[in-house]
C-alpha atoms as a PDB file:
ATOM      1  CA  MET A   1       2.389  38.821 -15.474  1.00  0.00           C
ATOM      2  CA  SER A   2       1.943  36.272 -18.361  1.00  0.00           C
ATOM      3  CA  SER A   3      -1.770  35.921 -19.616  1.00  0.00           C
ATOM      4  CA  CYS A   4      -1.694  31.921 -18.759  1.00  0.00           C
ATOM      5  CA  LYS A   5      -0.615  33.004 -15.037  1.00  0.00           C
ATOM      6  CA  ARG A   6      -3.595  35.514 -14.790  1.00  0.00           C
ATOM      7  CA  SER A   7      -6.006  33.314 -16.047  1.00  0.00           C
ATOM      8  CA  GLU A   8      -5.241  30.814 -13.906  1.00  0.00           C
ATOM      9  CA  GLU A   9      -5.826  33.236 -10.846  1.00  0.00           C
ATOM     10  CA  CYS A  10      -9.276  34.156 -12.182  1.00  0.00           C
ATOM     11  CA  ARG A  11      -9.868  30.368 -11.913  1.00  0.00           C
ATOM     12  CA  ARG A  12      -9.033  30.105  -8.776  1.00  0.00           C
ATOM     13  CA  GLU A  13     -10.927  33.225  -7.933  1.00  0.00           C
ATOM     14  CA  ARG A  14     -13.999  31.849  -9.556  1.00  0.00           C
ATOM     15  CA  ALA A  15     -13.607  28.507  -7.776  1.00  0.00           C
ATOM     16  CA  GLU A  16     -13.628  30.166  -4.509  1.00  0.00           C
ATOM     17  CA  GLN A  17     -16.409  32.088  -4.965  1.00  0.00           C
ATOM     18  CA  LEU A  18     -18.448  29.163  -6.243  1.00  0.00           C
ATOM     19  CA  ARG A  19     -17.214  26.958  -2.870  1.00  0.00           C
ATOM     20  CA  GLY A  20     -18.695  30.209  -0.907  1.00  0.00           C
ATOM     21  CA  GLN A  21     -22.303  29.890  -2.989  1.00  0.00           C
ATOM     22  CA  VAL A  22     -22.408  25.701  -2.442  1.00  0.00           C
ATOM     23  CA  ARG A  23     -21.716  26.452   1.466  1.00  0.00           C
ATOM     24  CA  ARG A  24     -24.229  29.093   1.715  1.00  0.00           C
ATOM     25  CA  LYS A  25     -26.380  26.485  -0.179  1.00  0.00           C
ATOM     26  CA  LEU A  26     -25.505  23.717   2.163  1.00  0.00           C
ATOM     27  CA  LEU A  27     -26.289  26.009   5.460  1.00  0.00           C
ATOM     28  CA  GLU A  28     -29.731  27.423   4.215  1.00  0.00           C
ATOM     29  CA  ALA A  29     -30.745  23.486   3.406  1.00  0.00           C
ATOM     30  CA  THR A  30     -29.777  22.816   6.927  1.00  0.00           C
ATOM     31  CA  SER A  31     -31.384  25.475   8.976  1.00  0.00           C
ATOM     32  CA  SER A  32     -34.880  24.879   6.815  1.00  0.00           C
ATOM     33  CA  SER A  33     -34.940  21.273   7.529  1.00  0.00           C
ATOM     34  CA  SER A  34     -38.378  20.929   8.907  1.00  0.00           C
ATOM     35  CA  SER A  35     -39.684  18.127   7.239  1.00  0.00           C
ATOM     36  CA  SER A  36     -39.027  14.708   5.946  1.00  0.00           C
ATOM     37  CA  SER A  37     -38.949  15.474   2.496  1.00  0.00           C
ATOM     38  CA  SER A  38     -36.170  18.120   3.170  1.00  0.00           C
ATOM     39  CA  VAL A  39     -34.036  15.655   5.178  1.00  0.00           C
ATOM     40  CA  ALA A  40     -34.214  13.549   1.970  1.00  0.00           C
ATOM     41  CA  GLU A  41     -33.194  16.406  -0.186  1.00  0.00           C
ATOM     42  CA  MET A  42     -30.231  17.214   2.151  1.00  0.00           C
ATOM     43  CA  VAL A  43     -28.880  13.589   2.106  1.00  0.00           C
ATOM     44  CA  MET A  44     -29.423  13.629  -1.840  1.00  0.00           C
ATOM     45  CA  LEU A  45     -27.457  16.702  -1.969  1.00  0.00           C
ATOM     46  CA  VAL A  46     -24.664  15.494   0.292  1.00  0.00           C
ATOM     47  CA  ASP A  47     -24.653  12.680  -2.129  1.00  0.00           C
ATOM     48  CA  THR A  48     -24.303  14.851  -5.204  1.00  0.00           C
ATOM     49  CA  LEU A  49     -21.491  16.892  -3.781  1.00  0.00           C
ATOM     50  CA  GLU A  50     -19.622  13.717  -2.916  1.00  0.00           C
ATOM     51  CA  HIS A  51     -20.145  12.060  -6.150  1.00  0.00           C
ATOM     52  CA  LEU A  52     -18.687  15.401  -7.821  1.00  0.00           C
ATOM     53  CA  GLY A  53     -15.672  15.331  -5.755  1.00  0.00           C
ATOM     54  CA  ILE A  54     -16.216  18.600  -4.107  1.00  0.00           C
ATOM     55  CA  ASP A  55     -16.989  17.788  -0.885  1.00  0.00           C
ATOM     56  CA  ASN A  56     -12.984  18.043   0.462  1.00  0.00           C
ATOM     57  CA  HIS A  57     -13.961  21.793   0.573  1.00  0.00           C
ATOM     58  CA  ILE A  58     -16.928  21.594   2.593  1.00  0.00           C
ATOM     59  CA  ARG A  59     -16.202  18.777   4.733  1.00  0.00           C
ATOM     60  CA  HIS A  60     -17.111  20.740   8.257  1.00  0.00           C
ATOM     61  CA  GLU A  61     -20.783  21.760   6.372  1.00  0.00           C
ATOM     62  CA  ILE A  62     -21.493  18.338   5.419  1.00  0.00           C
ATOM     63  CA  ALA A  63     -20.643  16.827   9.121  1.00  0.00           C
ATOM     64  CA  ALA A  64     -22.870  19.273  10.514  1.00  0.00           C
ATOM     65  CA  MET A  65     -25.883  18.617   7.873  1.00  0.00           C
ATOM     66  CA  LEU A  66     -25.298  15.031   8.671  1.00  0.00           C
ATOM     67  CA  HIS A  67     -25.255  15.432  12.381  1.00  0.00           C
ATOM     68  CA  ARG A  68     -28.999  17.120  11.581  1.00  0.00           C
ATOM     69  CA  VAL A  69     -30.042  14.512   9.805  1.00  0.00           C
ATOM     70  CA  VAL A  70     -29.110  11.744  12.090  1.00  0.00           C
ATOM     71  CA  ARG A  71     -30.324  13.852  14.510  1.00  0.00           C
ATOM     72  CA  ARG A  72     -33.985  14.222  13.130  1.00  0.00           C
ATOM     73  CA  GLN A  73     -33.951  10.427  11.998  1.00  0.00           C
ATOM     74  CA  GLY A  74     -33.372   9.519  15.924  1.00  0.00           C
ATOM     75  CA  GLN A  75     -36.549  11.797  16.383  1.00  0.00           C
ATOM     76  CA  GLY A  76     -38.286   9.613  14.439  1.00  0.00           C
ATOM     77  CA  CYS A  77     -39.058  12.736  11.732  1.00  0.00           C
ATOM     78  CA  VAL A  78     -37.878  10.512   8.640  1.00  0.00           C
ATOM     79  CA  ALA A  79     -40.161   8.017   7.556  1.00  0.00           C
ATOM     80  CA  GLY A  80     -40.666   5.920   4.677  1.00  0.00           C
ATOM     81  CA  SER A  81     -38.619   5.108   1.831  1.00  0.00           C
ATOM     82  CA  ASP A  82     -36.641   8.286   2.947  1.00  0.00           C
ATOM     83  CA  ASP A  83     -35.639   6.285   5.822  1.00  0.00           C
ATOM     84  CA  ASP A  84     -34.624   3.205   3.919  1.00  0.00           C
ATOM     85  CA  HIS A  85     -32.426   5.807   1.882  1.00  0.00           C
ATOM     86  CA  LEU A  86     -31.094   7.527   4.615  1.00  0.00           C
ATOM     87  CA  HIS A  87     -30.147   3.983   6.254  1.00  0.00           C
ATOM     88  CA  ALA A  88     -29.107   2.342   2.831  1.00  0.00           C
ATOM     89  CA  ARG A  89     -26.709   5.203   2.138  1.00  0.00           C
ATOM     90  CA  TYR A  90     -25.058   5.677   5.401  1.00  0.00           C
ATOM     91  CA  PHE A  91     -25.523   2.292   6.531  1.00  0.00           C
ATOM     92  CA  PRO A  92     -22.066   1.741   8.498  1.00  0.00           C
ATOM     93  CA  GLN A  93     -22.598   4.993  10.380  1.00  0.00           C
ATOM     94  CA  ILE A  94     -26.298   4.952  11.471  1.00  0.00           C
ATOM     95  CA  PRO A  95     -27.064   1.633  12.982  1.00  0.00           C
ATOM     96  CA  SER A  96     -30.594   0.023  11.847  1.00  0.00           C
ATOM     97  CA  ALA A  97     -32.485  -1.746  14.506  1.00  0.00           C
ATOM     98  CA  SER A  98     -33.576  -4.392  11.860  1.00  0.00           C
ATOM     99  CA  PRO A  99     -31.116  -4.876   9.027  1.00  0.00           C
ATOM    100  CA  ALA A 100     -32.979  -7.753   7.704  1.00  0.00           C
ATOM    101  CA  ARG A 101     -36.378  -5.813   7.473  1.00  0.00           C
ATOM    102  CA  LEU A 102     -34.370  -2.929   5.734  1.00  0.00           C
ATOM    103  CA  TRP A 103     -32.958  -5.196   2.818  1.00  0.00           C
ATOM    104  CA  ALA A 104     -36.488  -6.356   2.370  1.00  0.00           C
ATOM    105  CA  ARG A 105     -37.709  -2.899   1.959  1.00  0.00           C
ATOM    106  CA  LEU A 106     -34.876  -2.427  -0.471  1.00  0.00           C
ATOM    107  CA  ASN A 107     -35.604  -5.558  -2.473  1.00  0.00           C
ATOM    108  CA  SER A 108     -37.031  -4.009  -5.489  1.00  0.00           C
ATOM    109  CA  ASP A 109     -35.357  -0.388  -4.923  1.00  0.00           C
ATOM    110  CA  THR A 110     -32.751  -0.014  -7.409  1.00  0.00           C
ATOM    111  CA  ARG A 111     -31.198   3.271  -5.969  1.00  0.00           C
ATOM    112  CA  GLY A 112     -31.449   2.169  -2.494  1.00  0.00           C
ATOM    113  CA  LEU A 113     -29.604  -1.093  -3.210  1.00  0.00           C
ATOM    114  CA  LEU A 114     -26.961   0.804  -5.180  1.00  0.00           C
ATOM    115  CA  SER A 115     -26.532   3.094  -2.024  1.00  0.00           C
ATOM    116  CA  LEU A 116     -26.250   0.065   0.410  1.00  0.00           C
ATOM    117  CA  PHE A 117     -23.775  -1.778  -2.019  1.00  0.00           C
ATOM    118  CA  ASN A 118     -21.715   1.273  -2.041  1.00  0.00           C
ATOM    119  CA  ALA A 119     -21.777   2.165   1.695  1.00  0.00           C
ATOM    120  CA  ALA A 120     -20.935  -1.523   2.658  1.00  0.00           C
ATOM    121  CA  HIS A 121     -17.715  -1.411   1.101  1.00  0.00           C
ATOM    122  CA  MET A 122     -16.600   0.932   3.793  1.00  0.00           C
ATOM    123  CA  ALA A 123     -16.267  -2.064   6.001  1.00  0.00           C
ATOM    124  CA  MET A 124     -13.448  -3.270   7.953  1.00  0.00           C
ATOM    125  CA  PRO A 125     -12.336  -6.898   8.225  1.00  0.00           C
ATOM    126  CA  GLY A 126     -14.315  -8.699  10.227  1.00  0.00           C
ATOM    127  CA  GLU A 127     -17.602  -6.595   9.932  1.00  0.00           C
ATOM    128  CA  GLU A 128     -20.196  -9.214   9.422  1.00  0.00           C
ATOM    129  CA  ALA A 129     -23.486  -7.114   8.730  1.00  0.00           C
ATOM    130  CA  LEU A 130     -21.543  -5.217   6.175  1.00  0.00           C
ATOM    131  CA  ASP A 131     -20.239  -8.335   4.395  1.00  0.00           C
ATOM    132  CA  ASP A 132     -23.655  -9.715   4.539  1.00  0.00           C
ATOM    133  CA  ALA A 133     -25.001  -6.128   3.029  1.00  0.00           C
ATOM    134  CA  ILE A 134     -22.530  -6.570   0.285  1.00  0.00           C
ATOM    135  CA  ALA A 135     -23.689 -10.057  -0.725  1.00  0.00           C
ATOM    136  CA  PHE A 136     -27.132  -9.079  -0.244  1.00  0.00           C
ATOM    137  CA  SER A 137     -27.326  -5.886  -2.656  1.00  0.00           C
ATOM    138  CA  ARG A 138     -24.764  -7.593  -5.184  1.00  0.00           C
ATOM    139  CA  HIS A 139     -27.110 -10.432  -5.858  1.00  0.00           C
ATOM    140  CA  HIS A 140     -29.939  -8.086  -6.104  1.00  0.00           C
ATOM    141  CA  LEU A 141     -28.409  -5.571  -8.407  1.00  0.00           C
ATOM    142  CA  ARG A 142     -26.760  -8.443 -10.823  1.00  0.00           C
ATOM    143  CA  ARG A 143     -30.499  -9.620 -11.517  1.00  0.00           C
ATOM    144  CA  ARG A 144     -31.506  -6.335 -12.539  1.00  0.00           C
ATOM    145  CA  TRP A 145     -31.163  -4.440 -15.896  1.00  0.00           C
ATOM    146  CA  PRO A 146     -27.922  -2.782 -14.964  1.00  0.00           C
ATOM    147  CA  SER A 147     -27.777   1.093 -15.742  1.00  0.00           C
ATOM    148  CA  ARG A 148     -24.225   2.909 -16.200  1.00  0.00           C
ATOM    149  CA  PRO A 149     -23.965   3.430 -12.526  1.00  0.00           C
ATOM    150  CA  VAL A 150     -24.708  -0.088 -11.612  1.00  0.00           C
ATOM    151  CA  SER A 151     -22.637  -1.662 -13.980  1.00  0.00           C
ATOM    152  CA  ARG A 152     -19.396   0.800 -13.009  1.00  0.00           C
ATOM    153  CA  ALA A 153     -20.234  -0.108  -8.875  1.00  0.00           C
ATOM    154  CA  LEU A 154     -20.493  -4.000  -9.457  1.00  0.00           C
ATOM    155  CA  ASP A 155     -17.129  -3.447 -11.679  1.00  0.00           C
ATOM    156  CA  ILE A 156     -15.375  -1.111  -8.918  1.00  0.00           C
ATOM    157  CA  PRO A 157     -17.448  -0.209  -5.809  1.00  0.00           C
ATOM    158  CA  LEU A 158     -17.255   3.750  -5.416  1.00  0.00           C
ATOM    159  CA  PRO A 159     -15.013   3.744  -2.007  1.00  0.00           C
ATOM    160  CA  ARG A 160     -12.593   1.632  -4.098  1.00  0.00           C
ATOM    161  CA  ALA A 161     -12.529   3.488  -7.070  1.00  0.00           C
ATOM    162  CA  PRO A 162      -9.853   6.473  -8.252  1.00  0.00           C
ATOM    163  CA  LYS A 163     -12.215   9.791  -7.081  1.00  0.00           C
ATOM    164  CA  ARG A 164     -10.895  11.805 -10.280  1.00  0.00           C
ATOM    165  CA  LEU A 165     -12.198   9.084 -12.458  1.00  0.00           C
ATOM    166  CA  GLN A 166     -15.441   8.487 -10.889  1.00  0.00           C
ATOM    167  CA  THR A 167     -16.261  11.986 -10.985  1.00  0.00           C
ATOM    168  CA  MET A 168     -15.748  12.370 -14.431  1.00  0.00           C
ATOM    169  CA  ARG A 169     -18.056   9.149 -15.415  1.00  0.00           C
ATOM    170  CA  TYR A 170     -20.347  11.106 -12.869  1.00  0.00           C
ATOM    171  CA  LEU A 171     -19.860  14.641 -14.384  1.00  0.00           C
ATOM    172  CA  ALA A 172     -21.223  13.164 -17.829  1.00  0.00           C
ATOM    173  CA  GLU A 173     -24.656  11.522 -16.074  1.00  0.00           C
ATOM    174  CA  TYR A 174     -25.172  14.645 -13.841  1.00  0.00           C
ATOM    175  CA  GLU A 175     -24.942  17.258 -16.599  1.00  0.00           C
ATOM    176  CA  GLN A 176     -27.484  15.765 -18.541  1.00  0.00           C
ATOM    177  CA  GLU A 177     -29.918  15.491 -15.961  1.00  0.00           C
ATOM    178  CA  GLU A 178     -32.832  18.422 -15.786  1.00  0.00           C
ATOM    179  CA  ALA A 179     -32.386  19.276 -12.143  1.00  0.00           C
ATOM    180  CA  HIS A 180     -28.838  19.552 -12.001  1.00  0.00           C
ATOM    181  CA  ASP A 181     -27.237  22.389  -9.714  1.00  0.00           C
ATOM    182  CA  GLY A 182     -25.540  24.766 -12.119  1.00  0.00           C
ATOM    183  CA  VAL A 183     -23.136  26.089  -9.550  1.00  0.00           C
ATOM    184  CA  ALA A 184     -21.864  22.879  -8.512  1.00  0.00           C
ATOM    185  CA  LEU A 185     -21.539  21.907 -12.352  1.00  0.00           C
ATOM    186  CA  GLU A 186     -19.396  25.097 -13.039  1.00  0.00           C
ATOM    187  CA  LEU A 187     -17.355  24.527  -9.777  1.00  0.00           C
ATOM    188  CA  VAL A 188     -16.515  20.748 -10.902  1.00  0.00           C
ATOM    189  CA  LYS A 189     -15.256  21.973 -14.255  1.00  0.00           C
ATOM    190  CA  LEU A 190     -13.111  24.558 -12.881  1.00  0.00           C
ATOM    191  CA  GLU A 191     -11.673  21.899 -10.237  1.00  0.00           C
ATOM    192  CA  PHE A 192     -10.999  19.772 -13.065  1.00  0.00           C
ATOM    193  CA  GLU A 193      -9.033  22.501 -15.279  1.00  0.00           C
ATOM    194  CA  LEU A 194      -7.088  23.653 -11.840  1.00  0.00           C
ATOM    195  CA  VAL A 195      -6.152  19.950 -10.964  1.00  0.00           C
ATOM    196  CA  ARG A 196      -5.210  19.273 -14.645  1.00  0.00           C
ATOM    197  CA  SER A 197      -2.878  22.679 -14.545  1.00  0.00           C
ATOM    198  CA  LEU A 198      -1.204  21.265 -11.195  1.00  0.00           C
ATOM    199  CA  HIS A 199      -0.638  17.646 -12.809  1.00  0.00           C
ATOM    200  CA  LEU A 200       0.657  19.022 -15.628  1.00  0.00           C
ATOM    201  CA  LYS A 201       3.461  21.172 -14.102  1.00  0.00           C
ATOM    202  CA  GLU A 202       4.487  18.308 -11.960  1.00  0.00           C
ATOM    203  CA  LEU A 203       4.755  15.746 -14.937  1.00  0.00           C
ATOM    204  CA  LYS A 204       7.162  18.345 -16.604  1.00  0.00           C
ATOM    205  CA  LEU A 205       9.274  17.945 -13.081  1.00  0.00           C
ATOM    206  CA  GLY A 206       9.262  14.103 -12.852  1.00  0.00           C
ATOM    207  CA  PRO A 207      10.090  13.419 -16.832  1.00  0.00           C
ATOM    208  CA  GLN A 208      12.878  15.833 -16.833  1.00  0.00           C
ATOM    209  CA  TRP A 209      14.474  14.437 -13.929  1.00  0.00           C
ATOM    210  CA  TRP A 210      14.135  10.854 -15.188  1.00  0.00           C
ATOM    211  CA  LYS A 211      15.804  12.087 -18.324  1.00  0.00           C
ATOM    212  CA  ASP A 212      18.746  13.766 -16.968  1.00  0.00           C
ATOM    213  CA  MET A 213      19.233  10.846 -14.878  1.00  0.00           C
ATOM    214  CA  TYR A 214      18.837   8.237 -17.457  1.00  0.00           C
ATOM    215  CA  ASP A 215      21.382  10.001 -19.862  1.00  0.00           C
ATOM    216  CA  SER A 216      24.136   9.954 -17.007  1.00  0.00           C
ATOM    217  CA  VAL A 217      23.707   6.426 -16.144  1.00  0.00           C
ATOM    218  CA  LYS A 218      23.395   5.161 -19.754  1.00  0.00           C
ATOM    219  CA  LEU A 219      21.028   1.992 -18.627  1.00  0.00           C
ATOM    220  CA  SER A 220      20.026   0.843 -21.857  1.00  0.00           C
ATOM    221  CA  TYR A 221      18.079  -2.249 -20.424  1.00  0.00           C
ATOM    222  CA  ALA A 222      16.160   0.055 -17.579  1.00  0.00           C
ATOM    223  CA  ARG A 223      12.562   0.873 -18.238  1.00  0.00           C
ATOM    224  CA  ASP A 224      10.926   4.258 -18.757  1.00  0.00           C
ATOM    225  CA  HIS A 225       8.167   4.208 -16.509  1.00  0.00           C
ATOM    226  CA  ILE A 226       8.447   7.552 -14.653  1.00  0.00           C
ATOM    227  CA  VAL A 227       4.808   8.762 -15.829  1.00  0.00           C
ATOM    228  CA  GLU A 228       3.196   5.373 -14.759  1.00  0.00           C
ATOM    229  CA  ASN A 229       4.885   5.800 -11.404  1.00  0.00           C
ATOM    230  CA  TYR A 230       3.333   9.122 -11.244  1.00  0.00           C
ATOM    231  CA  PHE A 231      -0.017   8.054 -11.923  1.00  0.00           C
ATOM    232  CA  TRP A 232       0.256   5.667  -9.066  1.00  0.00           C
ATOM    233  CA  THR A 233       1.295   8.207  -6.458  1.00  0.00           C
ATOM    234  CA  TYR A 234      -1.670  10.182  -7.564  1.00  0.00           C
ATOM    235  CA  GLY A 235      -3.966   7.298  -6.010  1.00  0.00           C
ATOM    236  CA  VAL A 236      -1.907   7.523  -2.605  1.00  0.00           C
ATOM    237  CA  PHE A 237      -1.581  11.231  -2.156  1.00  0.00           C
ATOM    238  CA  HIS A 238      -4.117  13.879  -2.045  1.00  0.00           C
ATOM    239  CA  GLU A 239      -4.151  16.440  -4.587  1.00  0.00           C
ATOM    240  CA  LYS A 240      -2.773  19.305  -2.193  1.00  0.00           C
ATOM    241  CA  TYR A 241       0.153  16.798  -1.502  1.00  0.00           C
ATOM    242  CA  SER A 242       1.974  18.000  -4.990  1.00  0.00           C
ATOM    243  CA  ARG A 243       5.518  17.573  -3.434  1.00  0.00           C
ATOM    244  CA  ALA A 244       5.034  14.368  -1.840  1.00  0.00           C
ATOM    245  CA  ARG A 245       3.628  12.952  -5.560  1.00  0.00           C
ATOM    246  CA  ILE A 246       6.735  14.495  -7.281  1.00  0.00           C
ATOM    247  CA  MET A 247       9.383  12.886  -4.292  1.00  0.00           C
ATOM    248  CA  PHE A 248       7.180   9.523  -4.769  1.00  0.00           C
ATOM    249  CA  ALA A 249       7.177   8.886  -8.171  1.00  0.00           C
ATOM    250  CA  LYS A 250      11.212   9.620  -8.103  1.00  0.00           C
ATOM    251  CA  VAL A 251      11.807   7.085  -5.422  1.00  0.00           C
ATOM    252  CA  LEU A 252       9.617   4.222  -7.250  1.00  0.00           C
ATOM    253  CA  GLY A 253      11.630   5.102 -10.384  1.00  0.00           C
ATOM    254  CA  LEU A 254      14.917   4.439  -8.521  1.00  0.00           C
ATOM    255  CA  MET A 255      13.605   1.352  -7.168  1.00  0.00           C
ATOM    256  CA  SER A 256      12.345   0.299 -10.839  1.00  0.00           C
ATOM    257  CA  LEU A 257      15.948   1.004 -11.947  1.00  0.00           C
ATOM    258  CA  MET A 258      17.324  -1.079  -9.133  1.00  0.00           C
ATOM    259  CA  ASP A 259      14.862  -4.049 -10.235  1.00  0.00           C
ATOM    260  CA  ASP A 260      15.988  -3.663 -13.691  1.00  0.00           C
ATOM    261  CA  THR A 261      19.341  -4.128 -12.799  1.00  0.00           C
ATOM    262  CA  CYS A 262      19.405  -6.906 -10.654  1.00  0.00           C
ATOM    263  CA  GLY A 263      17.183  -8.439 -13.391  1.00  0.00           C
ATOM    264  CA  ALA A 264      19.782  -8.086 -15.940  1.00  0.00           C
ATOM    265  CA  HIS A 265      22.999  -8.776 -14.066  1.00  0.00           C
ATOM    266  CA  ALA A 266      22.541 -10.419 -10.680  1.00  0.00           C
ATOM    267  CA  THR A 267      22.602 -14.056  -9.719  1.00  0.00           C
ATOM    268  CA  SER A 268      19.381 -15.748  -8.503  1.00  0.00           C
ATOM    269  CA  GLU A 269      20.937 -15.725  -4.929  1.00  0.00           C
ATOM    270  CA  GLU A 270      21.581 -11.938  -5.373  1.00  0.00           C
ATOM    271  CA  TYR A 271      17.963 -11.509  -6.449  1.00  0.00           C
ATOM    272  CA  GLN A 272      16.482 -13.392  -3.258  1.00  0.00           C
ATOM    273  CA  LYS A 273      18.723 -11.427  -0.868  1.00  0.00           C
ATOM    274  CA  LEU A 274      17.196  -8.174  -2.348  1.00  0.00           C
ATOM    275  CA  ASN A 275      13.739  -9.537  -2.409  1.00  0.00           C
END
């Protein structure tokens, strides 16, 4: 077995060990939630894991934790600023009896406003309450001196940003925090190495296929966009759908080739029929 393959296997084994540690930490936090402070800590832990991009491995544990949080919130066990942050972070999922009162309390709370702004962008068309929440939080965030997280969110809200790109930016800031979780930090870095290795393997297949086809058809006017097409598919398919990304990148390459051919040789009438 080559050292490269062995090294990747070791990274995968270590990553699985770290996922187990994160799961246990979540279960411990859920079982020990007996006060409003611990509920706030649970919400912050889930928020951190989602920002770090490792929540997809522990969805069931996160769902159980949030169910516990919502139940305690319904029992009135969460109060004050913790209750405000809880409503702001999960505004689409946890209804607030008085949104206007919640927004008034968040008026001077940058963290709460940022949570509300990002959460409200999960809105579907016609959800006026979430549209109002976006307008309110954007207005007040712009009036403050913007930090890097606020500037990024105002540029591209968290639910609409490429997840890996968002994680890379957040990771650099999280690593500087004194209270950062070493286990989560190591897991994120390992995940990046494993995903990068996967993408490099996929990128070797796509350009080679394109080069072979390009050389065979000899269309000098065709654009070479196979890497760009692959990057686009990454925003469509989750990391585990490797074959789907490769196939879709090839389909986009063929569509690009057809578009270039029409642009070079088709008449306007023929081009309209294609469109």
